[in-house]
Amino acid sequence: MSSTPTYSDRWETIHFERRDGILEMRLHTDGGSLRWGAGPVRDLQEAFGAVAADAENRVVILTGTGEEFNGPKGSPDTFPRATPRGWETAHWNVRRLLTNLLDIEAPMISAINGPAWRHAETPLLSDIVLASETTVFSDTGHFVNGLVPGDGMQLVMPLVMGLNRARYYMLTGQEIDARTALEIGMVNEVLAPDRVLPRAWELAEQIARQSQLVTRYTRVAFVQTIKQLLVANHGYGIMLEGMACIDDADRGGGYELTERAERA
């Protein structure tokens, strides 16, 4: 049975579909692959909060649109030029992006449809991670683009790939293809592009057969340690990133990260 969430039309970068308690969140920009930036960060943190507060969601599927999960690759044009007041707005949204995600008390499945060039930690925090054969992971938006990877990458990536692998990944902009990601435990299954989302629904339907308290409390148990890690360290990392960003704010290119731009 389909039931449309009351918030289904609230964010322009997220399409919602819900059937029998399974909520699909499909990220996009104007119907194509998501273009990462201040707007999508704000949309995602608010949307995750709404999804977490909605008891009708039994399982959540997070996926993308088109050939990429998100993009574009980081470049001087994607470097945020910030003031202290502008970074405070970023601090608000970025910190809540992951905390609101982890507040979702429904098992989450990521169906990664292609390359994740920006903030791979978001889909990799799901309880089950499926990847298309075309998937590539690379942190193109932080260190190699002049930014400190302090907004969650430094905490989540060591959890999913190991400490030394994660530091190398972030310092070099290493590209990890889907098969390699499977071998080192970043993802659980690699499938043909047209099988990723159907497989996510198959698994979601299997999980949803359990009682709601079993599914909910299993998710709560899984994320509790991660939440404690974020509470202790997340805000500090974001402020370190902001300090370095503001110090280099007069570099050419990029976009102005102000409260007005963040909420545009």
C-alpha atoms as a PDB file:
ATOM      1  CA  MET A   1       0.000   0.000   0.000  1.00  0.00           C
ATOM      2  CA  SER A   2       1.355   3.413  -0.946  1.00  0.00           C
ATOM      3  CA  SER A   3       1.187   6.386   1.421  1.00  0.00           C
ATOM      4  CA  THR A   4       2.756   9.708   0.496  1.00  0.00           C
ATOM      5  CA  PRO A   5       4.704  11.381   3.313  1.00  0.00           C
ATOM      6  CA  THR A   6       3.421  14.813   4.273  1.00  0.00           C
ATOM      7  CA  TYR A   7       6.888  16.237   3.550  1.00  0.00           C
ATOM      8  CA  SER A   8       7.228  14.668   0.078  1.00  0.00           C
ATOM      9  CA  ASP A   9       7.289  18.018  -1.789  1.00  0.00           C
ATOM     10  CA  ARG A  10       9.281  20.023   0.748  1.00  0.00           C
ATOM     11  CA  TRP A  11      12.797  19.691  -0.726  1.00  0.00           C
ATOM     12  CA  GLU A  12      13.669  20.202  -4.369  1.00  0.00           C
ATOM     13  CA  THR A  13      16.671  17.828  -4.319  1.00  0.00           C
ATOM     14  CA  ILE A  14      14.872  14.759  -2.872  1.00  0.00           C
ATOM     15  CA  HIS A  15      12.119  12.634  -4.406  1.00  0.00           C
ATOM     16  CA  PHE A  16      10.150  10.450  -1.974  1.00  0.00           C
ATOM     17  CA  GLU A  17       8.208   7.257  -2.622  1.00  0.00           C
ATOM     18  CA  ARG A  18       6.714   5.046   0.105  1.00  0.00           C
ATOM     19  CA  ARG A  19       5.101   1.628  -0.221  1.00  0.00           C
ATOM     20  CA  ASP A  20       4.171  -0.662   2.679  1.00  0.00           C
ATOM     21  CA  GLY A  21       6.332   1.296   5.092  1.00  0.00           C
ATOM     22  CA  ILE A  22       9.405   1.317   2.832  1.00  0.00           C
ATOM     23  CA  LEU A  23      10.543   4.849   2.045  1.00  0.00           C
ATOM     24  CA  GLU A  24      12.735   5.533  -0.981  1.00  0.00           C
ATOM     25  CA  MET A  25      14.712   8.785  -0.935  1.00  0.00           C
ATOM     26  CA  ARG A  26      16.101   9.522  -4.393  1.00  0.00           C
ATOM     27  CA  LEU A  27      18.574  12.398  -4.573  1.00  0.00           C
ATOM     28  CA  HIS A  28      18.671  14.584  -7.688  1.00  0.00           C
ATOM     29  CA  THR A  29      19.306  18.030  -9.103  1.00  0.00           C
ATOM     30  CA  ASP A  30      16.676  19.095 -11.651  1.00  0.00           C
ATOM     31  CA  GLY A  31      15.952  15.430 -12.382  1.00  0.00           C
ATOM     32  CA  GLY A  32      19.608  14.502 -12.964  1.00  0.00           C
ATOM     33  CA  SER A  33      22.459  13.395 -10.718  1.00  0.00           C
ATOM     34  CA  LEU A  34      22.761  15.364  -7.486  1.00  0.00           C
ATOM     35  CA  ARG A  35      25.113  18.353  -7.609  1.00  0.00           C
ATOM     36  CA  TRP A  36      26.558  18.665  -4.113  1.00  0.00           C
ATOM     37  CA  GLY A  37      26.593  22.040  -2.381  1.00  0.00           C
ATOM     38  CA  ALA A  38      25.103  24.164   0.375  1.00  0.00           C
ATOM     39  CA  GLY A  39      21.529  23.678  -0.805  1.00  0.00           C
ATOM     40  CA  PRO A  40      21.577  19.857  -0.870  1.00  0.00           C
ATOM     41  CA  VAL A  41      23.325  19.768   2.530  1.00  0.00           C
ATOM     42  CA  ARG A  42      20.540  21.876   4.022  1.00  0.00           C
ATOM     43  CA  ASP A  43      17.866  19.793   2.280  1.00  0.00           C
ATOM     44  CA  LEU A  44      19.349  16.496   3.437  1.00  0.00           C
ATOM     45  CA  GLN A  45      19.756  17.452   7.085  1.00  0.00           C
ATOM     46  CA  GLU A  46      16.180  18.727   7.242  1.00  0.00           C
ATOM     47  CA  ALA A  47      14.829  15.723   5.344  1.00  0.00           C
ATOM     48  CA  PHE A  48      16.667  13.206   7.530  1.00  0.00           C
ATOM     49  CA  GLY A  49      15.135  14.919  10.565  1.00  0.00           C
ATOM     50  CA  ALA A  50      11.631  14.620   9.092  1.00  0.00           C
ATOM     51  CA  VAL A  51      12.170  10.981   8.128  1.00  0.00           C
ATOM     52  CA  ALA A  52      13.431  10.203  11.636  1.00  0.00           C
ATOM     53  CA  ALA A  53      10.281  11.721  13.166  1.00  0.00           C
ATOM     54  CA  ASP A  54       7.914   9.736  10.907  1.00  0.00           C
ATOM     55  CA  ALA A  55       6.942   6.450  12.571  1.00  0.00           C
ATOM     56  CA  GLU A  56       5.409   5.148   9.324  1.00  0.00           C
ATOM     57  CA  ASN A  57       8.887   4.587   7.892  1.00  0.00           C
ATOM     58  CA  ARG A  58       9.808   0.946   8.501  1.00  0.00           C
ATOM     59  CA  VAL A  59      12.856   0.783   6.179  1.00  0.00           C
ATOM     60  CA  VAL A  60      14.592   3.623   4.307  1.00  0.00           C
ATOM     61  CA  ILE A  61      16.318   3.310   0.921  1.00  0.00           C
ATOM     62  CA  LEU A  62      18.773   6.073  -0.069  1.00  0.00           C
ATOM     63  CA  THR A  63      19.675   6.272  -3.756  1.00  0.00           C
ATOM     64  CA  GLY A  64      20.707   8.689  -6.491  1.00  0.00           C
ATOM     65  CA  THR A  65      19.634   9.637  -9.997  1.00  0.00           C
ATOM     66  CA  GLY A  66      21.292   9.083 -13.356  1.00  0.00           C
ATOM     67  CA  GLU A  67      24.872   7.960 -13.836  1.00  0.00           C
ATOM     68  CA  GLU A  68      26.344   9.437 -10.631  1.00  0.00           C
ATOM     69  CA  PHE A  69      25.281   9.167  -7.021  1.00  0.00           C
ATOM     70  CA  ASN A  70      26.541  12.708  -6.598  1.00  0.00           C
ATOM     71  CA  GLY A  71      29.018  15.170  -8.036  1.00  0.00           C
ATOM     72  CA  PRO A  72      30.652  17.095  -9.483  1.00  0.00           C
ATOM     73  CA  LYS A  73      34.259  16.302  -8.690  1.00  0.00           C
ATOM     74  CA  GLY A  74      35.838  18.874  -6.414  1.00  0.00           C
ATOM     75  CA  SER A  75      37.639  21.735  -8.167  1.00  0.00           C
ATOM     76  CA  PRO A  76      38.537  25.380  -7.454  1.00  0.00           C
ATOM     77  CA  ASP A  77      34.976  26.226  -8.529  1.00  0.00           C
ATOM     78  CA  THR A  78      33.578  24.118  -5.683  1.00  0.00           C
ATOM     79  CA  PHE A  79      35.838  25.614  -2.988  1.00  0.00           C
ATOM     80  CA  PRO A  80      33.690  27.571  -0.492  1.00  0.00           C
ATOM     81  CA  ARG A  81      34.931  31.054   0.329  1.00  0.00           C
ATOM     82  CA  ALA A  82      33.645  31.758   3.829  1.00  0.00           C
ATOM     83  CA  THR A  83      33.388  34.331   6.572  1.00  0.00           C
ATOM     84  CA  PRO A  84      33.065  33.288  10.224  1.00  0.00           C
ATOM     85  CA  ARG A  85      29.315  34.036  10.067  1.00  0.00           C
ATOM     86  CA  GLY A  86      28.979  32.086   6.834  1.00  0.00           C
ATOM     87  CA  TRP A  87      30.798  29.095   8.294  1.00  0.00           C
ATOM     88  CA  GLU A  88      28.528  29.121  11.346  1.00  0.00           C
ATOM     89  CA  THR A  89      25.603  28.415   8.999  1.00  0.00           C
ATOM     90  CA  ALA A  90      27.584  25.607   7.390  1.00  0.00           C
ATOM     91  CA  HIS A  91      28.435  24.283  10.868  1.00  0.00           C
ATOM     92  CA  TRP A  92      24.714  24.135  11.733  1.00  0.00           C
ATOM     93  CA  ASN A  93      23.713  22.202   8.608  1.00  0.00           C
ATOM     94  CA  VAL A  94      26.733  19.919   8.257  1.00  0.00           C
ATOM     95  CA  ARG A  95      26.641  18.847  11.907  1.00  0.00           C
ATOM     96  CA  ARG A  96      22.950  17.986  11.673  1.00  0.00           C
ATOM     97  CA  LEU A  97      23.336  16.157   8.376  1.00  0.00           C
ATOM     98  CA  LEU A  98      24.902  13.123  10.055  1.00  0.00           C
ATOM     99  CA  THR A  99      23.228  13.416  13.454  1.00  0.00           C
ATOM    100  CA  ASN A 100      19.769  13.557  11.849  1.00  0.00           C
ATOM    101  CA  LEU A 101      20.707  10.643   9.587  1.00  0.00           C
ATOM    102  CA  LEU A 102      21.679   8.546  12.600  1.00  0.00           C
ATOM    103  CA  ASP A 103      18.470   9.555  14.413  1.00  0.00           C
ATOM    104  CA  ILE A 104      16.480   7.582  11.821  1.00  0.00           C
ATOM    105  CA  GLU A 105      15.211   4.558  13.760  1.00  0.00           C
ATOM    106  CA  ALA A 106      14.550   2.437  10.689  1.00  0.00           C
ATOM    107  CA  PRO A 107      17.115   0.198   8.976  1.00  0.00           C
ATOM    108  CA  MET A 108      18.713   2.000   6.038  1.00  0.00           C
ATOM    109  CA  ILE A 109      19.834   0.607   2.692  1.00  0.00           C
ATOM    110  CA  SER A 110      21.974   2.597   0.264  1.00  0.00           C
ATOM    111  CA  ALA A 111      21.555   1.830  -3.422  1.00  0.00           C
ATOM    112  CA  ILE A 112      24.576   3.633  -4.870  1.00  0.00           C
ATOM    113  CA  ASN A 113      23.875   4.025  -8.575  1.00  0.00           C
ATOM    114  CA  GLY A 114      27.233   5.411  -9.692  1.00  0.00           C
ATOM    115  CA  PRO A 115      30.283   7.447  -8.626  1.00  0.00           C
ATOM    116  CA  ALA A 116      30.132   9.199  -5.248  1.00  0.00           C
ATOM    117  CA  TRP A 117      32.582  12.044  -5.750  1.00  0.00           C
ATOM    118  CA  ARG A 118      31.486  14.001  -2.657  1.00  0.00           C
ATOM    119  CA  HIS A 119      30.796  12.923   0.910  1.00  0.00           C
ATOM    120  CA  ALA A 120      30.711   9.157   0.469  1.00  0.00           C
ATOM    121  CA  GLU A 121      30.317   8.808   4.228  1.00  0.00           C
ATOM    122  CA  THR A 122      26.611   9.652   3.913  1.00  0.00           C
ATOM    123  CA  PRO A 123      25.529   6.562   1.917  1.00  0.00           C
ATOM    124  CA  LEU A 124      28.188   4.410   3.598  1.00  0.00           C
ATOM    125  CA  LEU A 125      26.512   4.945   6.972  1.00  0.00           C
ATOM    126  CA  SER A 126      23.570   2.801   5.879  1.00  0.00           C
ATOM    127  CA  ASP A 127      23.141  -0.622   7.463  1.00  0.00           C
ATOM    128  CA  ILE A 128      23.315  -2.315   4.042  1.00  0.00           C
ATOM    129  CA  VAL A 129      25.289  -0.780   1.167  1.00  0.00           C
ATOM    130  CA  LEU A 130      24.682  -1.885  -2.421  1.00  0.00           C
ATOM    131  CA  ALA A 131      26.780  -0.517  -5.269  1.00  0.00           C
ATOM    132  CA  SER A 132      26.462  -0.442  -9.019  1.00  0.00           C
ATOM    133  CA  GLU A 133      29.360  -1.839 -11.041  1.00  0.00           C
ATOM    134  CA  THR A 134      29.903   1.767 -12.167  1.00  0.00           C
ATOM    135  CA  THR A 135      30.371   3.074  -8.625  1.00  0.00           C
ATOM    136  CA  VAL A 136      33.586   4.871  -7.701  1.00  0.00           C
ATOM    137  CA  PHE A 137      34.381   6.429  -4.326  1.00  0.00           C
ATOM    138  CA  SER A 138      36.733   9.401  -4.088  1.00  0.00           C
ATOM    139  CA  ASP A 139      37.026  12.331  -1.693  1.00  0.00           C
ATOM    140  CA  THR A 140      37.536  14.984  -4.351  1.00  0.00           C
ATOM    141  CA  GLY A 141      36.047  17.834  -2.336  1.00  0.00           C
ATOM    142  CA  HIS A 142      38.334  18.028   0.682  1.00  0.00           C
ATOM    143  CA  PHE A 143      42.118  17.749   1.117  1.00  0.00           C
ATOM    144  CA  VAL A 144      43.011  17.538  -2.580  1.00  0.00           C
ATOM    145  CA  ASN A 145      40.819  20.623  -3.116  1.00  0.00           C
ATOM    146  CA  GLY A 146      42.331  22.549  -0.190  1.00  0.00           C
ATOM    147  CA  LEU A 147      39.776  21.694   2.506  1.00  0.00           C
ATOM    148  CA  VAL A 148      40.229  19.850   5.797  1.00  0.00           C
ATOM    149  CA  PRO A 149      38.145  16.632   5.719  1.00  0.00           C
ATOM    150  CA  GLY A 150      36.745  17.477   9.135  1.00  0.00           C
ATOM    151  CA  ASP A 151      32.989  17.350   8.606  1.00  0.00           C
ATOM    152  CA  GLY A 152      32.509  13.639   9.229  1.00  0.00           C
ATOM    153  CA  MET A 153      34.806  12.072   6.660  1.00  0.00           C
ATOM    154  CA  GLN A 154      37.621  11.796   9.226  1.00  0.00           C
ATOM    155  CA  LEU A 155      35.332   9.844  11.576  1.00  0.00           C
ATOM    156  CA  VAL A 156      33.227   7.651   9.290  1.00  0.00           C
ATOM    157  CA  MET A 157      35.703   6.584   6.632  1.00  0.00           C
ATOM    158  CA  PRO A 158      38.106   4.868   9.113  1.00  0.00           C
ATOM    159  CA  LEU A 159      35.094   2.933  10.423  1.00  0.00           C
ATOM    160  CA  VAL A 160      34.144   1.569   7.007  1.00  0.00           C
ATOM    161  CA  MET A 161      37.569   1.025   5.424  1.00  0.00           C
ATOM    162  CA  GLY A 162      40.211   0.989   8.169  1.00  0.00           C
ATOM    163  CA  LEU A 163      42.352   3.777   9.593  1.00  0.00           C
ATOM    164  CA  ASN A 164      45.364   3.660   7.265  1.00  0.00           C
ATOM    165  CA  ARG A 165      43.298   3.084   4.127  1.00  0.00           C
ATOM    166  CA  ALA A 166      41.054   6.006   5.066  1.00  0.00           C
ATOM    167  CA  ARG A 167      43.900   8.452   5.660  1.00  0.00           C
ATOM    168  CA  TYR A 168      45.510   7.532   2.344  1.00  0.00           C
ATOM    169  CA  TYR A 169      42.117   7.830   0.616  1.00  0.00           C
ATOM    170  CA  MET A 170      41.528  11.332   1.960  1.00  0.00           C
ATOM    171  CA  LEU A 171      45.081  12.653   1.506  1.00  0.00           C
ATOM    172  CA  THR A 172      45.497  11.466  -2.096  1.00  0.00           C
ATOM    173  CA  GLY A 173      41.992  11.620  -3.587  1.00  0.00           C
ATOM    174  CA  GLN A 174      42.298   7.896  -4.359  1.00  0.00           C
ATOM    175  CA  GLU A 175      39.567   6.461  -6.575  1.00  0.00           C
ATOM    176  CA  ILE A 176      38.168   3.155  -5.296  1.00  0.00           C
ATOM    177  CA  ASP A 177      36.072   1.178  -7.745  1.00  0.00           C
ATOM    178  CA  ALA A 178      33.113  -0.969  -6.756  1.00  0.00           C
ATOM    179  CA  ARG A 179      34.947  -4.322  -6.787  1.00  0.00           C
ATOM    180  CA  THR A 180      37.762  -2.987  -4.633  1.00  0.00           C
ATOM    181  CA  ALA A 181      35.196  -1.457  -2.280  1.00  0.00           C
ATOM    182  CA  LEU A 182      33.588  -4.893  -1.958  1.00  0.00           C
ATOM    183  CA  GLU A 183      36.927  -6.579  -1.237  1.00  0.00           C
ATOM    184  CA  ILE A 184      37.814  -4.165   1.588  1.00  0.00           C
ATOM    185  CA  GLY A 185      34.332  -4.182   3.115  1.00  0.00           C
ATOM    186  CA  MET A 186      33.036  -0.728   2.179  1.00  0.00           C
ATOM    187  CA  VAL A 187      30.009  -2.201   0.384  1.00  0.00           C
ATOM    188  CA  ASN A 188      28.057  -5.447   0.731  1.00  0.00           C
ATOM    189  CA  GLU A 189      27.059  -6.267  -2.851  1.00  0.00           C
ATOM    190  CA  VAL A 190      28.042  -5.102  -6.346  1.00  0.00           C
ATOM    191  CA  LEU A 191      25.378  -5.409  -9.026  1.00  0.00           C
ATOM    192  CA  ALA A 192      24.594  -4.382 -12.570  1.00  0.00           C
ATOM    193  CA  PRO A 193      23.284  -0.791 -12.670  1.00  0.00           C
ATOM    194  CA  ASP A 194      19.717  -1.860 -13.403  1.00  0.00           C
ATOM    195  CA  ARG A 195      19.706  -4.310 -10.479  1.00  0.00           C
ATOM    196  CA  VAL A 196      20.846  -2.054  -7.643  1.00  0.00           C
ATOM    197  CA  LEU A 197      17.530  -0.406  -6.775  1.00  0.00           C
ATOM    198  CA  PRO A 198      15.372  -3.540  -7.272  1.00  0.00           C
ATOM    199  CA  ARG A 199      17.744  -5.445  -4.993  1.00  0.00           C
ATOM    200  CA  ALA A 200      17.412  -2.702  -2.368  1.00  0.00           C
ATOM    201  CA  TRP A 201      13.641  -3.104  -2.459  1.00  0.00           C
ATOM    202  CA  GLU A 202      13.958  -6.901  -2.161  1.00  0.00           C
ATOM    203  CA  LEU A 203      16.079  -6.540   0.964  1.00  0.00           C
ATOM    204  CA  ALA A 204      13.820  -3.824   2.371  1.00  0.00           C
ATOM    205  CA  GLU A 205      10.763  -6.057   1.980  1.00  0.00           C
ATOM    206  CA  GLN A 206      12.633  -8.891   3.712  1.00  0.00           C
ATOM    207  CA  ILE A 207      13.617  -6.651   6.639  1.00  0.00           C
ATOM    208  CA  ALA A 208      10.115  -5.173   6.958  1.00  0.00           C
ATOM    209  CA  ARG A 209       8.679  -8.630   7.719  1.00  0.00           C
ATOM    210  CA  GLN A 210      10.125  -8.359  11.214  1.00  0.00           C
ATOM    211  CA  SER A 211       8.148  -6.546  13.900  1.00  0.00           C
ATOM    212  CA  GLN A 212       8.568  -2.806  14.012  1.00  0.00           C
ATOM    213  CA  LEU A 213      10.236  -2.868  17.431  1.00  0.00           C
ATOM    214  CA  VAL A 214      12.758  -5.446  16.242  1.00  0.00           C
ATOM    215  CA  THR A 215      13.690  -3.379  13.177  1.00  0.00           C
ATOM    216  CA  ARG A 216      13.729  -0.098  15.068  1.00  0.00           C
ATOM    217  CA  TYR A 217      15.755  -1.250  18.025  1.00  0.00           C
ATOM    218  CA  THR A 218      18.214  -3.137  15.818  1.00  0.00           C
ATOM    219  CA  ARG A 219      18.943   0.120  14.007  1.00  0.00           C
ATOM    220  CA  VAL A 220      19.271   1.962  17.334  1.00  0.00           C
ATOM    221  CA  ALA A 221      21.750  -0.649  18.567  1.00  0.00           C
ATOM    222  CA  PHE A 222      23.775  -0.455  15.350  1.00  0.00           C
ATOM    223  CA  VAL A 223      24.231   3.335  15.361  1.00  0.00           C
ATOM    224  CA  GLN A 224      24.673   4.039  19.080  1.00  0.00           C
ATOM    225  CA  THR A 225      28.481   3.812  19.053  1.00  0.00           C
ATOM    226  CA  ILE A 226      28.701   5.912  15.886  1.00  0.00           C
ATOM    227  CA  LYS A 227      26.495   8.595  17.437  1.00  0.00           C
ATOM    228  CA  GLN A 228      28.753   8.720  20.497  1.00  0.00           C
ATOM    229  CA  LEU A 229      31.782   9.177  18.230  1.00  0.00           C
ATOM    230  CA  LEU A 230      30.101  12.065  16.425  1.00  0.00           C
ATOM    231  CA  VAL A 231      28.952  13.773  19.623  1.00  0.00           C
ATOM    232  CA  ALA A 232      32.508  13.721  20.941  1.00  0.00           C
ATOM    233  CA  ASN A 233      34.316  14.844  17.786  1.00  0.00           C
ATOM    234  CA  HIS A 234      32.107  16.050  14.942  1.00  0.00           C
ATOM    235  CA  GLY A 235      31.655  19.718  15.844  1.00  0.00           C
ATOM    236  CA  TYR A 236      35.370  20.129  16.560  1.00  0.00           C
ATOM    237  CA  GLY A 237      36.304  18.737  13.145  1.00  0.00           C
ATOM    238  CA  ILE A 238      33.870  21.051  11.368  1.00  0.00           C
ATOM    239  CA  MET A 239      35.338  24.082  13.132  1.00  0.00           C
ATOM    240  CA  LEU A 240      38.892  23.024  12.184  1.00  0.00           C
ATOM    241  CA  GLU A 241      37.735  22.783   8.570  1.00  0.00           C
ATOM    242  CA  GLY A 242      36.167  26.221   8.831  1.00  0.00           C
ATOM    243  CA  MET A 243      39.281  27.849  10.281  1.00  0.00           C
ATOM    244  CA  ALA A 244      41.421  26.623   7.397  1.00  0.00           C
ATOM    245  CA  CYS A 245      38.742  27.543   4.863  1.00  0.00           C
ATOM    246  CA  ILE A 246      38.418  31.104   6.173  1.00  0.00           C
ATOM    247  CA  ASP A 247      42.220  31.480   6.199  1.00  0.00           C
ATOM    248  CA  ASP A 248      42.241  30.631   2.475  1.00  0.00           C
ATOM    249  CA  ALA A 249      39.030  32.466   1.612  1.00  0.00           C
ATOM    250  CA  ASP A 250      40.728  34.963  -0.717  1.00  0.00           C
ATOM    251  CA  ARG A 251      41.763  32.284  -3.234  1.00  0.00           C
ATOM    252  CA  GLY A 252      40.351  32.641  -6.737  1.00  0.00           C
ATOM    253  CA  GLY A 253      37.211  30.864  -7.902  1.00  0.00           C
ATOM    254  CA  GLY A 254      34.788  29.090  -5.637  1.00  0.00           C
ATOM    255  CA  TYR A 255      31.506  30.357  -4.264  1.00  0.00           C
ATOM    256  CA  GLU A 256      30.640  32.600  -1.348  1.00  0.00           C
ATOM    257  CA  LEU A 257      29.493  30.512   1.625  1.00  0.00           C
ATOM    258  CA  THR A 258      27.269  32.920   3.493  1.00  0.00           C
ATOM    259  CA  GLU A 259      23.992  32.437   5.303  1.00  0.00           C
ATOM    260  CA  ARG A 260      22.193  33.812   2.259  1.00  0.00           C
ATOM    261  CA  ALA A 261      23.972  31.402  -0.112  1.00  0.00           C
ATOM    262  CA  GLU A 262      23.449  28.477   2.271  1.00  0.00           C
ATOM    263  CA  ARG A 263      19.701  29.025   2.330  1.00  0.00           C
ATOM    264  CA  ALA A 264      19.280  29.851  -1.362  1.00  0.00           C
END
